[in-house]
Amino acid sequence: KGILVKSASMKVLAEESPGAYKDIDQVVQVSHDLGIVEKIVRFVPIGVVKG
């Protein structure tokens, strides 16, 4: 994709890798099926702030 990333360490890059995150819809569905949570509303992110 032509993406260039500069980081102080590989650990930081690994944490930001898309593969480091689980599909939230799958996590919520499994949690709901197990009776751990009750699905009420779905939020949609509008931005990210880091710092």
N, C-alpha and C. Protein backbone atom coordinates (compact mmCIF):
# COMPACT_ATOMS: atom_id res chain seq x y z
N LYS A 1 0.82 -1.20 0.00
CA LYS A 1 0.00 0.00 0.00
C LYS A 1 0.86 1.26 0.00
N GLY A 2 2.15 1.13 0.07
CA GLY A 2 3.03 2.30 0.06
C GLY A 2 3.00 3.09 1.36
N ILE A 3 2.82 2.40 2.47
CA ILE A 3 2.75 3.06 3.78
C ILE A 3 4.12 3.02 4.44
N LEU A 4 4.63 4.17 4.86
CA LEU A 4 5.90 4.27 5.55
C LEU A 4 5.64 4.66 7.00
N VAL A 5 6.22 3.91 7.93
CA VAL A 5 6.01 4.18 9.35
C VAL A 5 7.35 4.30 10.04
N LYS A 6 7.50 5.30 10.91
CA LYS A 6 8.71 5.47 11.70
C LYS A 6 8.31 5.35 13.17
N SER A 7 9.03 4.50 13.90
CA SER A 7 8.70 4.27 15.30
C SER A 7 9.96 4.06 16.12
N ALA A 8 9.86 4.36 17.41
CA ALA A 8 10.99 4.17 18.31
C ALA A 8 11.26 2.70 18.57
N SER A 9 10.22 1.86 18.46
CA SER A 9 10.41 0.43 18.71
C SER A 9 9.39 -0.40 17.93
N MET A 10 9.72 -1.67 17.72
CA MET A 10 8.81 -2.58 17.03
C MET A 10 7.58 -2.88 17.88
N LYS A 11 7.71 -2.80 19.22
CA LYS A 11 6.58 -3.08 20.10
C LYS A 11 5.43 -2.11 19.83
N VAL A 12 5.78 -0.85 19.66
CA VAL A 12 4.75 0.17 19.38
C VAL A 12 4.06 -0.14 18.06
N LEU A 13 4.83 -0.53 17.05
CA LEU A 13 4.24 -0.86 15.75
C LEU A 13 3.33 -2.07 15.86
N ALA A 14 3.73 -3.06 16.62
CA ALA A 14 2.92 -4.27 16.78
C ALA A 14 1.58 -3.94 17.44
N GLU A 15 1.57 -3.00 18.39
CA GLU A 15 0.34 -2.62 19.07
C GLU A 15 -0.61 -1.89 18.12
N GLU A 16 -0.07 -1.22 17.12
CA GLU A 16 -0.89 -0.44 16.19
C GLU A 16 -1.27 -1.23 14.95
N SER A 17 -0.79 -2.45 14.83
CA SER A 17 -1.11 -3.28 13.67
C SER A 17 -2.59 -3.64 13.68
N PRO A 18 -3.27 -3.55 12.53
CA PRO A 18 -4.69 -3.93 12.49
C PRO A 18 -4.92 -5.37 12.97
N GLY A 19 -3.93 -6.24 12.79
CA GLY A 19 -4.06 -7.62 13.24
C GLY A 19 -4.02 -7.77 14.75
N ALA A 20 -3.65 -6.69 15.46
CA ALA A 20 -3.57 -6.74 16.92
C ALA A 20 -4.95 -6.58 17.57
N TYR A 21 -5.94 -6.24 16.78
CA TYR A 21 -7.28 -6.00 17.30
C TYR A 21 -8.25 -7.09 16.87
N LYS A 22 -9.19 -7.43 17.74
CA LYS A 22 -10.22 -8.41 17.40
C LYS A 22 -11.41 -7.67 16.78
N ASP A 23 -12.19 -8.37 15.98
CA ASP A 23 -13.41 -7.81 15.40
C ASP A 23 -14.42 -7.62 16.54
N ILE A 24 -14.75 -6.37 16.85
CA ILE A 24 -15.60 -6.07 18.00
C ILE A 24 -16.98 -6.69 17.85
N ASP A 25 -17.49 -6.80 16.62
CA ASP A 25 -18.80 -7.41 16.43
C ASP A 25 -18.79 -8.88 16.84
N GLN A 26 -17.69 -9.58 16.53
CA GLN A 26 -17.58 -10.98 16.93
C GLN A 26 -17.46 -11.11 18.45
N VAL A 27 -16.67 -10.24 19.06
CA VAL A 27 -16.49 -10.28 20.51
C VAL A 27 -17.82 -10.04 21.22
N VAL A 28 -18.56 -9.05 20.77
CA VAL A 28 -19.85 -8.73 21.38
C VAL A 28 -20.83 -9.88 21.18
N GLN A 29 -20.87 -10.45 19.98
CA GLN A 29 -21.81 -11.54 19.71
C GLN A 29 -21.52 -12.76 20.58
N VAL A 30 -20.25 -13.14 20.71
CA VAL A 30 -19.89 -14.28 21.55
C VAL A 30 -20.25 -13.99 23.00
N SER A 31 -19.94 -12.77 23.47
CA SER A 31 -20.26 -12.40 24.85
C SER A 31 -21.77 -12.44 25.08
N HIS A 32 -22.53 -11.98 24.09
CA HIS A 32 -24.00 -12.02 24.19
C HIS A 32 -24.51 -13.46 24.21
N ASP A 33 -23.97 -14.29 23.32
CA ASP A 33 -24.40 -15.70 23.25
C ASP A 33 -24.11 -16.45 24.55
N LEU A 34 -23.02 -16.07 25.24
CA LEU A 34 -22.66 -16.71 26.51
C LEU A 34 -23.43 -16.14 27.70
N GLY A 35 -24.20 -15.09 27.47
CA GLY A 35 -24.97 -14.49 28.56
C GLY A 35 -24.17 -13.54 29.42
N ILE A 36 -22.99 -13.16 28.96
CA ILE A 36 -22.13 -12.25 29.73
C ILE A 36 -22.62 -10.81 29.62
N VAL A 37 -23.12 -10.45 28.43
CA VAL A 37 -23.58 -9.08 28.19
C VAL A 37 -24.95 -9.09 27.52
N GLU A 38 -25.61 -7.95 27.60
CA GLU A 38 -26.85 -7.75 26.86
C GLU A 38 -26.60 -6.66 25.83
N LYS A 39 -26.88 -6.94 24.58
CA LYS A 39 -26.69 -5.94 23.53
C LYS A 39 -27.82 -4.91 23.64
N ILE A 40 -27.42 -3.64 23.71
CA ILE A 40 -28.40 -2.56 23.85
C ILE A 40 -28.28 -1.57 22.69
N VAL A 41 -27.07 -1.13 22.41
CA VAL A 41 -26.85 -0.10 21.39
C VAL A 41 -25.50 -0.34 20.73
N ARG A 42 -25.34 0.12 19.49
CA ARG A 42 -24.06 0.00 18.80
C ARG A 42 -23.53 1.41 18.54
N PHE A 43 -22.33 1.67 19.04
CA PHE A 43 -21.69 2.96 18.85
C PHE A 43 -20.86 2.94 17.58
N VAL A 44 -20.74 4.10 16.94
CA VAL A 44 -19.90 4.26 15.76
C VAL A 44 -18.87 5.33 16.07
N PRO A 45 -17.57 5.00 15.99
CA PRO A 45 -16.55 5.99 16.30
C PRO A 45 -16.55 7.13 15.28
N ILE A 46 -16.31 8.35 15.77
CA ILE A 46 -16.24 9.49 14.86
C ILE A 46 -14.84 10.08 14.81
N GLY A 47 -13.93 9.58 15.64
CA GLY A 47 -12.56 10.08 15.63
C GLY A 47 -11.71 9.37 16.66
N VAL A 48 -10.40 9.60 16.56
CA VAL A 48 -9.44 9.00 17.48
C VAL A 48 -8.50 10.10 17.96
N VAL A 49 -8.27 10.16 19.26
CA VAL A 49 -7.33 11.11 19.84
C VAL A 49 -6.27 10.32 20.57
N LYS A 50 -5.01 10.55 20.24
CA LYS A 50 -3.90 9.88 20.92
C LYS A 50 -2.95 10.94 21.43
N GLY A 51 -2.31 10.64 22.51
CA GLY A 51 -1.34 11.62 22.95
C GLY A 51 -1.12 11.51 24.37
